[in-house]
Amino acid sequence: MTPSDLALDGAEAITLVTLLLGGLLIVGYALRTGVPPMPTGPGTRAAMLRLLPERIDGTIYDLGSGWGGLAFAAARRYPGNPVVGIELSPLPWLFSRVMLAVFRYPNLSFRRADLMAVPLNDAGAAVCYLMPAIMQRLAPKLDAEARPGTVVVSYSFAFDRWVPDAALMEADAGPLLIYRYTVGRRPVTPAPGASSPAGT
């Protein structure tokens, strides 16, 4: 094998550089936000949506919507509700926007934004697959902004000091718990910093 056999042609080099830059961009934003854009599988999405009420009054937010799979599933199930995916990382957000241009859902939109900066006062429900550190920042934001009765469903990670309405594991969703909370109608553990009985 000669050095010329190992050389990349122009198209291969551009593809390699694009993939490398894309990977670095994703890693950089994962470090910035503390949340890698991990997709949820179809079973997980279905299980999460089953924990939402049959009827929702208000906007459904996918907080940290990543590649958009859960937001698309919510838009299909709730065609009469606005569904908003919030994602800061540019490549997953762009991917979601491209998919939305192909598979048009008039009730679905994606916003490139820090989820902590997005007002949630019109939320009727929220779904999320985040990490423990940002979950703890999100809890007081929901307390301050979301209306009483807003349902929040989280995959894998629980809110510290919030006791869930339900914590379940379904075979189709994998080996991790799914938590459901209702803003304004759930007890809070008394000790600051204590974990909920369901754990994380």
N, C-alpha and C. Protein backbone atom coordinates (compact mmCIF):
# COMPACT_ATOMS: atom_id res chain seq x y z
N MET A 1 0.85 -1.19 0.00
CA MET A 1 0.00 0.00 0.00
C MET A 1 0.89 1.24 0.00
N THR A 2 0.64 2.11 -0.92
CA THR A 2 1.45 3.32 -1.06
C THR A 2 0.74 4.48 -0.37
N PRO A 3 1.49 5.58 -0.07
CA PRO A 3 0.86 6.76 0.52
C PRO A 3 -0.30 7.29 -0.30
N SER A 4 -0.22 7.15 -1.64
CA SER A 4 -1.32 7.65 -2.47
C SER A 4 -2.60 6.84 -2.25
N ASP A 5 -2.44 5.55 -1.86
CA ASP A 5 -3.62 4.74 -1.59
C ASP A 5 -4.35 5.21 -0.33
N LEU A 6 -3.60 5.83 0.61
CA LEU A 6 -4.18 6.29 1.85
C LEU A 6 -4.73 7.71 1.75
N ALA A 7 -4.40 8.41 0.70
CA ALA A 7 -4.82 9.80 0.57
C ALA A 7 -6.33 9.89 0.33
N LEU A 8 -6.91 10.93 0.85
CA LEU A 8 -8.33 11.18 0.66
C LEU A 8 -8.54 12.06 -0.55
N ASP A 9 -9.59 11.76 -1.32
CA ASP A 9 -9.91 12.68 -2.40
C ASP A 9 -10.67 13.87 -1.82
N GLY A 10 -10.98 14.86 -2.66
CA GLY A 10 -11.59 16.09 -2.16
C GLY A 10 -12.90 15.88 -1.44
N ALA A 11 -13.80 15.06 -2.00
CA ALA A 11 -15.11 14.83 -1.40
C ALA A 11 -14.98 14.11 -0.06
N GLU A 12 -14.09 13.12 0.00
CA GLU A 12 -13.89 12.38 1.25
C GLU A 12 -13.33 13.30 2.34
N ALA A 13 -12.39 14.17 1.95
CA ALA A 13 -11.79 15.08 2.92
C ALA A 13 -12.83 16.06 3.46
N ILE A 14 -13.68 16.58 2.59
CA ILE A 14 -14.72 17.51 3.02
C ILE A 14 -15.70 16.81 3.97
N THR A 15 -16.07 15.57 3.62
CA THR A 15 -16.98 14.81 4.47
C THR A 15 -16.37 14.57 5.85
N LEU A 16 -15.10 14.17 5.86
CA LEU A 16 -14.42 13.89 7.12
C LEU A 16 -14.32 15.14 7.99
N VAL A 17 -13.94 16.26 7.39
CA VAL A 17 -13.82 17.51 8.13
C VAL A 17 -15.20 17.95 8.65
N THR A 18 -16.23 17.81 7.83
CA THR A 18 -17.59 18.18 8.25
C THR A 18 -18.04 17.35 9.43
N LEU A 19 -17.81 16.04 9.36
CA LEU A 19 -18.20 15.17 10.48
C LEU A 19 -17.42 15.51 11.74
N LEU A 20 -16.13 15.79 11.58
CA LEU A 20 -15.30 16.14 12.73
C LEU A 20 -15.77 17.43 13.38
N LEU A 21 -16.03 18.45 12.55
CA LEU A 21 -16.50 19.73 13.09
C LEU A 21 -17.88 19.58 13.73
N GLY A 22 -18.75 18.79 13.09
CA GLY A 22 -20.07 18.56 13.67
C GLY A 22 -19.98 17.87 15.02
N GLY A 23 -19.10 16.86 15.11
CA GLY A 23 -18.91 16.17 16.38
C GLY A 23 -18.38 17.09 17.46
N LEU A 24 -17.42 17.94 17.09
CA LEU A 24 -16.86 18.88 18.07
C LEU A 24 -17.91 19.89 18.52
N LEU A 25 -18.78 20.31 17.59
CA LEU A 25 -19.83 21.26 17.94
C LEU A 25 -20.82 20.63 18.92
N ILE A 26 -21.20 19.39 18.67
CA ILE A 26 -22.12 18.70 19.58
C ILE A 26 -21.50 18.53 20.95
N VAL A 27 -20.23 18.11 21.00
CA VAL A 27 -19.55 17.93 22.28
C VAL A 27 -19.42 19.26 23.01
N GLY A 28 -19.08 20.32 22.27
CA GLY A 28 -18.93 21.63 22.89
C GLY A 28 -20.22 22.11 23.55
N TYR A 29 -21.34 21.94 22.85
CA TYR A 29 -22.61 22.38 23.43
C TYR A 29 -23.06 21.45 24.55
N ALA A 30 -22.70 20.17 24.47
CA ALA A 30 -23.03 19.25 25.58
C ALA A 30 -22.29 19.68 26.85
N LEU A 31 -21.05 20.11 26.69
CA LEU A 31 -20.29 20.60 27.85
C LEU A 31 -20.86 21.92 28.36
N ARG A 32 -21.31 22.76 27.45
CA ARG A 32 -21.86 24.06 27.84
C ARG A 32 -23.19 23.92 28.59
N THR A 33 -24.06 23.05 28.06
CA THR A 33 -25.39 22.92 28.66
C THR A 33 -25.46 21.86 29.75
N GLY A 34 -24.50 20.93 29.74
CA GLY A 34 -24.55 19.82 30.68
C GLY A 34 -25.48 18.71 30.26
N VAL A 35 -26.01 18.78 29.02
CA VAL A 35 -26.96 17.77 28.54
C VAL A 35 -26.57 17.35 27.13
N PRO A 36 -26.09 16.11 26.94
CA PRO A 36 -25.83 15.64 25.57
C PRO A 36 -27.15 15.38 24.86
N PRO A 37 -27.20 15.58 23.53
CA PRO A 37 -28.46 15.38 22.80
C PRO A 37 -28.74 13.90 22.56
N MET A 38 -29.17 13.20 23.60
CA MET A 38 -29.46 11.77 23.51
C MET A 38 -30.90 11.55 23.06
N PRO A 39 -31.11 10.82 21.97
CA PRO A 39 -32.48 10.61 21.50
C PRO A 39 -33.22 9.60 22.37
N THR A 40 -34.53 9.73 22.43
CA THR A 40 -35.38 8.72 23.07
C THR A 40 -35.88 7.75 22.01
N GLY A 41 -35.98 6.48 22.37
CA GLY A 41 -36.49 5.48 21.45
C GLY A 41 -38.01 5.53 21.35
N PRO A 42 -38.59 4.87 20.35
CA PRO A 42 -40.05 4.88 20.19
C PRO A 42 -40.80 4.39 21.43
N GLY A 43 -40.29 3.34 22.08
CA GLY A 43 -40.94 2.82 23.28
C GLY A 43 -40.94 3.82 24.42
N THR A 44 -39.82 4.52 24.57
CA THR A 44 -39.72 5.53 25.62
C THR A 44 -40.67 6.68 25.35
N ARG A 45 -40.71 7.14 24.10
CA ARG A 45 -41.61 8.24 23.76
C ARG A 45 -43.06 7.86 24.02
N ALA A 46 -43.44 6.66 23.63
CA ALA A 46 -44.83 6.22 23.84
C ALA A 46 -45.16 6.14 25.33
N ALA A 47 -44.22 5.62 26.13
CA ALA A 47 -44.47 5.50 27.57
C ALA A 47 -44.57 6.88 28.22
N MET A 48 -43.72 7.82 27.81
CA MET A 48 -43.79 9.16 28.37
C MET A 48 -45.11 9.84 28.04
N LEU A 49 -45.56 9.70 26.80
CA LEU A 49 -46.80 10.36 26.39
C LEU A 49 -48.02 9.73 27.06
N ARG A 50 -47.93 8.43 27.40
CA ARG A 50 -49.05 7.81 28.10
C ARG A 50 -49.24 8.39 29.50
N LEU A 51 -48.21 9.01 30.06
CA LEU A 51 -48.32 9.62 31.38
C LEU A 51 -48.91 11.02 31.32
N LEU A 52 -49.07 11.56 30.13
CA LEU A 52 -49.70 12.87 30.00
C LEU A 52 -51.22 12.71 29.99
N PRO A 53 -51.96 13.76 30.42
CA PRO A 53 -53.42 13.68 30.37
C PRO A 53 -53.93 13.53 28.93
N GLU A 54 -55.13 13.00 28.81
CA GLU A 54 -55.73 12.86 27.49
C GLU A 54 -55.97 14.22 26.85
N ARG A 55 -56.34 15.21 27.67
CA ARG A 55 -56.55 16.57 27.17
C ARG A 55 -55.65 17.52 27.95
N ILE A 56 -55.03 18.43 27.24
CA ILE A 56 -54.09 19.38 27.85
C ILE A 56 -54.52 20.79 27.46
N ASP A 57 -54.54 21.67 28.43
CA ASP A 57 -54.90 23.06 28.20
C ASP A 57 -53.62 23.89 28.17
N GLY A 58 -53.16 24.21 26.98
CA GLY A 58 -51.95 25.02 26.87
C GLY A 58 -50.92 24.40 25.96
N THR A 59 -49.75 25.01 25.96
CA THR A 59 -48.64 24.57 25.11
C THR A 59 -47.93 23.37 25.74
N ILE A 60 -47.51 22.45 24.90
CA ILE A 60 -46.70 21.31 25.35
C ILE A 60 -45.26 21.61 24.97
N TYR A 61 -44.39 21.64 25.96
CA TYR A 61 -42.97 21.94 25.73
C TYR A 61 -42.14 20.66 25.83
N ASP A 62 -41.23 20.49 24.88
CA ASP A 62 -40.18 19.49 25.00
C ASP A 62 -38.92 20.25 25.35
N LEU A 63 -38.53 20.16 26.61
CA LEU A 63 -37.42 20.96 27.14
C LEU A 63 -36.11 20.21 26.91
N GLY A 64 -35.29 20.74 26.00
CA GLY A 64 -34.10 20.03 25.56
C GLY A 64 -34.51 19.00 24.53
N SER A 65 -35.07 19.47 23.42
CA SER A 65 -35.73 18.58 22.46
C SER A 65 -34.77 17.77 21.60
N GLY A 66 -33.47 18.07 21.65
CA GLY A 66 -32.50 17.25 20.92
C GLY A 66 -32.83 17.13 19.45
N TRP A 67 -32.93 15.88 18.98
CA TRP A 67 -33.15 15.60 17.56
C TRP A 67 -34.62 15.65 17.18
N GLY A 68 -35.50 15.89 18.15
CA GLY A 68 -36.90 16.19 17.85
C GLY A 68 -37.88 15.04 17.91
N GLY A 69 -37.42 13.82 18.17
CA GLY A 69 -38.32 12.67 18.12
C GLY A 69 -39.49 12.76 19.08
N LEU A 70 -39.24 13.17 20.31
CA LEU A 70 -40.31 13.25 21.30
C LEU A 70 -41.28 14.38 20.96
N ALA A 71 -40.78 15.50 20.47
CA ALA A 71 -41.65 16.61 20.08
C ALA A 71 -42.55 16.22 18.92
N PHE A 72 -42.02 15.50 17.94
CA PHE A 72 -42.85 15.03 16.83
C PHE A 72 -43.94 14.09 17.33
N ALA A 73 -43.58 13.19 18.25
CA ALA A 73 -44.57 12.25 18.80
C ALA A 73 -45.67 13.00 19.55
N ALA A 74 -45.30 14.03 20.30
CA ALA A 74 -46.29 14.82 21.03
C ALA A 74 -47.20 15.58 20.07
N ALA A 75 -46.62 16.10 18.99
CA ALA A 75 -47.43 16.83 18.00
C ALA A 75 -48.44 15.93 17.32
N ARG A 76 -48.05 14.68 17.08
CA ARG A 76 -48.98 13.72 16.48
C ARG A 76 -50.12 13.38 17.44
N ARG A 77 -49.79 13.20 18.72
CA ARG A 77 -50.82 12.80 19.68
C ARG A 77 -51.76 13.96 20.03
N TYR A 78 -51.23 15.18 20.05
CA TYR A 78 -52.02 16.35 20.45
C TYR A 78 -52.10 17.36 19.31
N PRO A 79 -52.81 17.04 18.23
CA PRO A 79 -52.84 17.95 17.07
C PRO A 79 -53.50 19.29 17.36
N GLY A 80 -54.29 19.38 18.42
CA GLY A 80 -54.95 20.64 18.75
C GLY A 80 -54.14 21.52 19.68
N ASN A 81 -52.98 21.06 20.13
CA ASN A 81 -52.14 21.85 21.04
C ASN A 81 -50.88 22.31 20.33
N PRO A 82 -50.43 23.55 20.59
CA PRO A 82 -49.10 23.92 20.13
C PRO A 82 -48.05 23.11 20.88
N VAL A 83 -47.09 22.58 20.14
CA VAL A 83 -45.97 21.83 20.72
C VAL A 83 -44.69 22.56 20.34
N VAL A 84 -43.87 22.86 21.33
CA VAL A 84 -42.65 23.64 21.11
C VAL A 84 -41.45 22.86 21.63
N GLY A 85 -40.51 22.57 20.74
CA GLY A 85 -39.26 21.95 21.14
C GLY A 85 -38.22 23.04 21.38
N ILE A 86 -37.57 22.98 22.53
CA ILE A 86 -36.54 23.96 22.89
C ILE A 86 -35.19 23.26 22.90
N GLU A 87 -34.27 23.72 22.09
CA GLU A 87 -32.94 23.10 22.01
C GLU A 87 -31.90 24.18 21.71
N LEU A 88 -30.81 24.17 22.45
CA LEU A 88 -29.75 25.16 22.25
C LEU A 88 -28.68 24.67 21.28
N SER A 89 -28.37 23.38 21.31
CA SER A 89 -27.30 22.85 20.45
C SER A 89 -27.70 22.99 18.98
N PRO A 90 -26.87 23.64 18.16
CA PRO A 90 -27.33 24.00 16.81
C PRO A 90 -27.59 22.83 15.87
N LEU A 91 -26.78 21.77 15.91
CA LEU A 91 -26.98 20.69 14.95
C LEU A 91 -28.26 19.90 15.21
N PRO A 92 -28.54 19.48 16.44
CA PRO A 92 -29.84 18.82 16.67
C PRO A 92 -31.02 19.73 16.35
N TRP A 93 -30.89 21.01 16.71
CA TRP A 93 -31.97 21.96 16.39
C TRP A 93 -32.18 22.06 14.88
N LEU A 94 -31.08 22.17 14.12
CA LEU A 94 -31.18 22.27 12.66
C LEU A 94 -31.78 21.00 12.07
N PHE A 95 -31.36 19.85 12.59
CA PHE A 95 -31.91 18.58 12.13
C PHE A 95 -33.42 18.55 12.34
N SER A 96 -33.87 19.00 13.51
CA SER A 96 -35.30 19.03 13.81
C SER A 96 -36.04 19.93 12.85
N ARG A 97 -35.46 21.10 12.55
CA ARG A 97 -36.10 22.04 11.63
C ARG A 97 -36.20 21.45 10.22
N VAL A 98 -35.15 20.75 9.79
CA VAL A 98 -35.18 20.12 8.47
C VAL A 98 -36.26 19.04 8.42
N MET A 99 -36.33 18.22 9.48
CA MET A 99 -37.36 17.17 9.53
C MET A 99 -38.76 17.78 9.53
N LEU A 100 -38.91 18.92 10.20
CA LEU A 100 -40.21 19.58 10.23
C LEU A 100 -40.58 20.13 8.85
N ALA A 101 -39.58 20.56 8.09
CA ALA A 101 -39.85 21.03 6.73
C ALA A 101 -40.30 19.88 5.82
N VAL A 102 -39.83 18.67 6.13
CA VAL A 102 -40.20 17.50 5.33
C VAL A 102 -41.54 16.93 5.80
N PHE A 103 -41.65 16.69 7.11
CA PHE A 103 -42.88 16.14 7.70
C PHE A 103 -43.60 17.28 8.41
N ARG A 104 -44.49 17.91 7.72
CA ARG A 104 -45.09 19.16 8.20
C ARG A 104 -46.14 18.88 9.28
N TYR A 105 -45.93 19.50 10.43
CA TYR A 105 -46.91 19.49 11.51
C TYR A 105 -47.23 20.94 11.84
N PRO A 106 -48.43 21.40 11.53
CA PRO A 106 -48.73 22.82 11.74
C PRO A 106 -48.72 23.24 13.21
N ASN A 107 -48.84 22.31 14.13
CA ASN A 107 -48.85 22.65 15.56
C ASN A 107 -47.48 22.54 16.21
N LEU A 108 -46.45 22.21 15.43
CA LEU A 108 -45.12 21.98 15.98
C LEU A 108 -44.14 23.06 15.55
N SER A 109 -43.32 23.51 16.48
CA SER A 109 -42.24 24.45 16.15
C SER A 109 -41.02 24.11 17.01
N PHE A 110 -39.86 24.52 16.54
CA PHE A 110 -38.62 24.33 17.27
C PHE A 110 -37.94 25.67 17.46
N ARG A 111 -37.52 25.95 18.68
CA ARG A 111 -36.83 27.20 18.99
C ARG A 111 -35.42 26.88 19.46
N ARG A 112 -34.46 27.59 18.90
CA ARG A 112 -33.09 27.45 19.37
C ARG A 112 -32.91 28.44 20.51
N ALA A 113 -32.86 27.92 21.74
CA ALA A 113 -32.82 28.78 22.92
C ALA A 113 -32.36 27.97 24.12
N ASP A 114 -31.87 28.67 25.12
CA ASP A 114 -31.58 28.09 26.42
C ASP A 114 -32.91 27.87 27.12
N LEU A 115 -33.21 26.63 27.49
CA LEU A 115 -34.53 26.36 28.07
C LEU A 115 -34.76 27.12 29.36
N MET A 116 -33.70 27.52 30.05
CA MET A 116 -33.87 28.28 31.28
C MET A 116 -34.30 29.71 31.00
N ALA A 117 -34.16 30.16 29.75
CA ALA A 117 -34.53 31.54 29.39
C ALA A 117 -35.91 31.62 28.73
N VAL A 118 -36.56 30.49 28.51
CA VAL A 118 -37.86 30.48 27.83
C VAL A 118 -38.97 30.55 28.87
N PRO A 119 -39.86 31.55 28.81
CA PRO A 119 -40.98 31.61 29.75
C PRO A 119 -41.91 30.41 29.56
N LEU A 120 -42.37 29.84 30.67
CA LEU A 120 -43.22 28.65 30.63
C LEU A 120 -44.61 28.92 31.19
N ASN A 121 -45.01 30.19 31.21
CA ASN A 121 -46.30 30.53 31.83
C ASN A 121 -47.50 30.04 31.02
N ASP A 122 -47.30 29.69 29.72
CA ASP A 122 -48.40 29.17 28.92
C ASP A 122 -48.38 27.65 28.83
N ALA A 123 -47.49 27.00 29.58
CA ALA A 123 -47.36 25.54 29.48
C ALA A 123 -48.57 24.84 30.07
N GLY A 124 -49.05 23.83 29.34
CA GLY A 124 -50.03 22.92 29.90
C GLY A 124 -49.38 21.62 30.31
N ALA A 125 -48.22 21.33 29.67
CA ALA A 125 -47.45 20.14 29.97
C ALA A 125 -46.03 20.34 29.47
N ALA A 126 -45.11 19.57 30.04
CA ALA A 126 -43.72 19.60 29.58
C ALA A 126 -43.15 18.20 29.68
N VAL A 127 -42.31 17.85 28.73
CA VAL A 127 -41.60 16.58 28.76
C VAL A 127 -40.12 16.89 28.68
N CYS A 128 -39.29 16.03 29.28
CA CYS A 128 -37.86 16.29 29.25
C CYS A 128 -37.05 15.02 29.48
N TYR A 129 -35.86 15.02 28.92
CA TYR A 129 -34.86 13.98 29.15
C TYR A 129 -33.55 14.74 29.33
N LEU A 130 -33.31 15.18 30.55
CA LEU A 130 -32.19 16.06 30.86
C LEU A 130 -31.19 15.35 31.74
N MET A 131 -30.41 16.10 32.51
CA MET A 131 -29.43 15.55 33.44
C MET A 131 -29.70 16.14 34.82
N PRO A 132 -29.19 15.49 35.89
CA PRO A 132 -29.55 15.93 37.25
C PRO A 132 -29.28 17.40 37.54
N ALA A 133 -28.15 17.94 37.11
CA ALA A 133 -27.82 19.33 37.46
C ALA A 133 -28.84 20.31 36.90
N ILE A 134 -29.22 20.14 35.64
CA ILE A 134 -30.18 21.08 35.05
C ILE A 134 -31.59 20.80 35.55
N MET A 135 -31.89 19.57 35.95
CA MET A 135 -33.19 19.28 36.54
C MET A 135 -33.39 20.10 37.81
N GLN A 136 -32.34 20.24 38.60
CA GLN A 136 -32.47 20.99 39.85
C GLN A 136 -32.61 22.49 39.60
N ARG A 137 -32.07 22.99 38.50
CA ARG A 137 -32.28 24.39 38.12
C ARG A 137 -33.67 24.60 37.55
N LEU A 138 -34.19 23.56 36.89
CA LEU A 138 -35.49 23.67 36.25
C LEU A 138 -36.63 23.67 37.26
N ALA A 139 -36.48 22.95 38.37
CA ALA A 139 -37.57 22.83 39.35
C ALA A 139 -38.06 24.19 39.85
N PRO A 140 -37.19 25.08 40.36
CA PRO A 140 -37.71 26.38 40.81
C PRO A 140 -38.26 27.24 39.68
N LYS A 141 -37.76 27.06 38.47
CA LYS A 141 -38.32 27.80 37.33
C LYS A 141 -39.76 27.37 37.08
N LEU A 142 -40.02 26.06 37.11
CA LEU A 142 -41.38 25.57 36.94
C LEU A 142 -42.28 26.04 38.07
N ASP A 143 -41.77 26.01 39.30
CA ASP A 143 -42.55 26.50 40.43
C ASP A 143 -42.95 27.96 40.25
N ALA A 144 -42.03 28.75 39.71
CA ALA A 144 -42.26 30.19 39.59
C ALA A 144 -43.13 30.53 38.39
N GLU A 145 -43.04 29.77 37.31
CA GLU A 145 -43.65 30.19 36.04
C GLU A 145 -44.84 29.34 35.60
N ALA A 146 -44.78 28.03 35.82
CA ALA A 146 -45.83 27.16 35.30
C ALA A 146 -47.10 27.28 36.12
N ARG A 147 -48.24 27.15 35.46
CA ARG A 147 -49.53 27.23 36.13
C ARG A 147 -49.77 25.98 36.97
N PRO A 148 -50.46 26.10 38.09
CA PRO A 148 -50.85 24.91 38.85
C PRO A 148 -51.61 23.94 37.95
N GLY A 149 -51.27 22.68 38.07
CA GLY A 149 -51.90 21.67 37.23
C GLY A 149 -51.07 21.27 36.02
N THR A 150 -50.00 22.03 35.72
CA THR A 150 -49.13 21.67 34.61
C THR A 150 -48.45 20.34 34.91
N VAL A 151 -48.53 19.41 33.97
CA VAL A 151 -47.94 18.08 34.16
C VAL A 151 -46.55 18.06 33.52
N VAL A 152 -45.60 17.51 34.27
CA VAL A 152 -44.22 17.41 33.80
C VAL A 152 -43.82 15.94 33.82
N VAL A 153 -43.36 15.43 32.69
CA VAL A 153 -42.92 14.04 32.59
C VAL A 153 -41.44 14.03 32.25
N SER A 154 -40.66 13.33 33.07
CA SER A 154 -39.21 13.28 32.90
C SER A 154 -38.75 11.84 32.76
N TYR A 155 -37.88 11.60 31.79
CA TYR A 155 -37.30 10.28 31.60
C TYR A 155 -35.97 10.19 32.32
N SER A 156 -35.81 9.17 33.13
CA SER A 156 -34.54 8.78 33.74
C SER A 156 -34.15 9.55 34.99
N PHE A 157 -34.39 10.87 35.03
CA PHE A 157 -33.92 11.68 36.16
C PHE A 157 -35.09 12.37 36.86
N ALA A 158 -35.04 12.34 38.20
CA ALA A 158 -36.10 12.92 39.02
C ALA A 158 -35.71 14.32 39.47
N PHE A 159 -36.71 15.11 39.85
CA PHE A 159 -36.46 16.39 40.50
C PHE A 159 -36.09 16.16 41.96
N ASP A 160 -35.02 16.76 42.39
CA ASP A 160 -34.66 16.72 43.79
C ASP A 160 -35.71 17.49 44.59
N ARG A 161 -36.20 16.92 45.70
CA ARG A 161 -37.16 17.49 46.61
C ARG A 161 -38.60 17.47 46.10
N TRP A 162 -38.86 17.09 44.85
CA TRP A 162 -40.23 16.91 44.37
C TRP A 162 -40.60 15.44 44.45
N VAL A 163 -41.75 15.14 45.01
CA VAL A 163 -42.23 13.77 45.05
C VAL A 163 -43.14 13.54 43.84
N PRO A 164 -42.86 12.54 43.00
CA PRO A 164 -43.65 12.37 41.78
C PRO A 164 -45.04 11.80 42.05
N ASP A 165 -45.98 12.12 41.15
CA ASP A 165 -47.28 11.47 41.15
C ASP A 165 -47.14 10.00 40.81
N ALA A 166 -46.19 9.71 39.91
CA ALA A 166 -45.97 8.34 39.46
C ALA A 166 -44.51 8.19 39.08
N ALA A 167 -43.97 7.00 39.30
CA ALA A 167 -42.63 6.65 38.86
C ALA A 167 -42.70 5.22 38.37
N LEU A 168 -42.58 5.03 37.09
CA LEU A 168 -42.81 3.69 36.55
C LEU A 168 -41.71 3.31 35.58
N MET A 169 -41.62 2.00 35.36
CA MET A 169 -40.66 1.45 34.42
C MET A 169 -41.44 0.54 33.48
N GLU A 170 -41.28 0.72 32.19
CA GLU A 170 -41.96 -0.11 31.21
C GLU A 170 -40.93 -0.81 30.35
N ALA A 171 -41.22 -2.06 30.02
CA ALA A 171 -40.26 -2.86 29.27
C ALA A 171 -39.90 -2.22 27.94
N ASP A 172 -40.90 -1.63 27.26
CA ASP A 172 -40.64 -1.02 25.95
C ASP A 172 -39.78 0.24 26.05
N ALA A 173 -39.73 0.83 27.25
CA ALA A 173 -39.00 2.09 27.43
C ALA A 173 -37.58 1.87 27.93
N GLY A 174 -37.21 0.64 28.21
CA GLY A 174 -35.86 0.38 28.71
C GLY A 174 -35.82 0.31 30.22
N PRO A 175 -34.60 0.22 30.79
CA PRO A 175 -34.46 -0.06 32.22
C PRO A 175 -34.48 1.16 33.13
N LEU A 176 -34.96 2.29 32.65
CA LEU A 176 -34.93 3.52 33.44
C LEU A 176 -36.34 3.97 33.78
N LEU A 177 -36.46 4.63 34.94
CA LEU A 177 -37.76 5.10 35.40
C LEU A 177 -38.23 6.33 34.61
N ILE A 178 -39.55 6.47 34.53
CA ILE A 178 -40.18 7.66 33.99
C ILE A 178 -40.99 8.28 35.11
N TYR A 179 -40.82 9.59 35.32
CA TYR A 179 -41.45 10.28 36.44
C TYR A 179 -42.51 11.25 35.92
N ARG A 180 -43.63 11.33 36.66
CA ARG A 180 -44.65 12.33 36.35
C ARG A 180 -44.90 13.20 37.58
N TYR A 181 -44.94 14.51 37.35
CA TYR A 181 -45.19 15.49 38.41
C TYR A 181 -46.34 16.39 37.98
N THR A 182 -47.02 16.97 38.95
CA THR A 182 -48.04 17.98 38.69
C THR A 182 -47.70 19.22 39.48
N VAL A 183 -47.46 20.31 38.78
CA VAL A 183 -47.07 21.56 39.45
C VAL A 183 -48.21 22.03 40.35
N GLY A 184 -47.88 22.33 41.61
CA GLY A 184 -48.85 22.85 42.55
C GLY A 184 -49.69 21.80 43.25
N ARG A 185 -49.51 20.51 42.85
CA ARG A 185 -50.31 19.47 43.48
C ARG A 185 -49.44 18.31 43.94
N ARG A 186 -48.16 18.56 44.16
CA ARG A 186 -47.31 17.47 44.59
C ARG A 186 -46.57 17.86 45.86
N PRO A 187 -46.44 16.92 46.81
CA PRO A 187 -45.72 17.23 48.03
C PRO A 187 -44.24 17.44 47.76
N VAL A 188 -43.59 18.14 48.65
CA VAL A 188 -42.17 18.40 48.54
C VAL A 188 -41.49 17.81 49.75
N THR A 189 -40.39 17.13 49.55
CA THR A 189 -39.67 16.56 50.68
C THR A 189 -39.20 17.68 51.59
N PRO A 190 -39.20 17.50 52.91
CA PRO A 190 -38.95 18.61 53.82
C PRO A 190 -37.51 19.07 53.89
N ALA A 191 -36.56 18.19 53.65
CA ALA A 191 -35.16 18.56 53.84
C ALA A 191 -34.58 19.10 52.55
N PRO A 192 -34.01 20.33 52.57
CA PRO A 192 -33.39 20.86 51.37
C PRO A 192 -32.29 19.92 50.87
N GLY A 193 -32.31 19.66 49.57
CA GLY A 193 -31.28 18.82 48.98
C GLY A 193 -31.57 17.34 49.06
N ALA A 194 -32.64 16.95 49.74
CA ALA A 194 -32.95 15.52 49.86
C ALA A 194 -33.51 15.01 48.54
N SER A 195 -33.22 13.76 48.23
CA SER A 195 -33.73 13.15 47.01
C SER A 195 -35.13 12.66 47.25
N SER A 196 -35.89 12.56 46.17
CA SER A 196 -37.24 12.01 46.29
C SER A 196 -37.13 10.52 46.58
N PRO A 197 -38.17 9.92 47.18
CA PRO A 197 -38.14 8.49 47.46
C PRO A 197 -37.90 7.64 46.23
N ALA A 198 -38.31 8.17 45.08
CA ALA A 198 -38.12 7.38 43.85
C ALA A 198 -36.67 7.36 43.41
N GLY A 199 -35.88 8.31 43.90
CA GLY A 199 -34.47 8.38 43.51
C GLY A 199 -34.29 9.05 42.17
N THR A 200 -33.08 9.00 41.68
CA THR A 200 -32.82 9.59 40.37
C THR A 200 -32.44 8.52 39.39
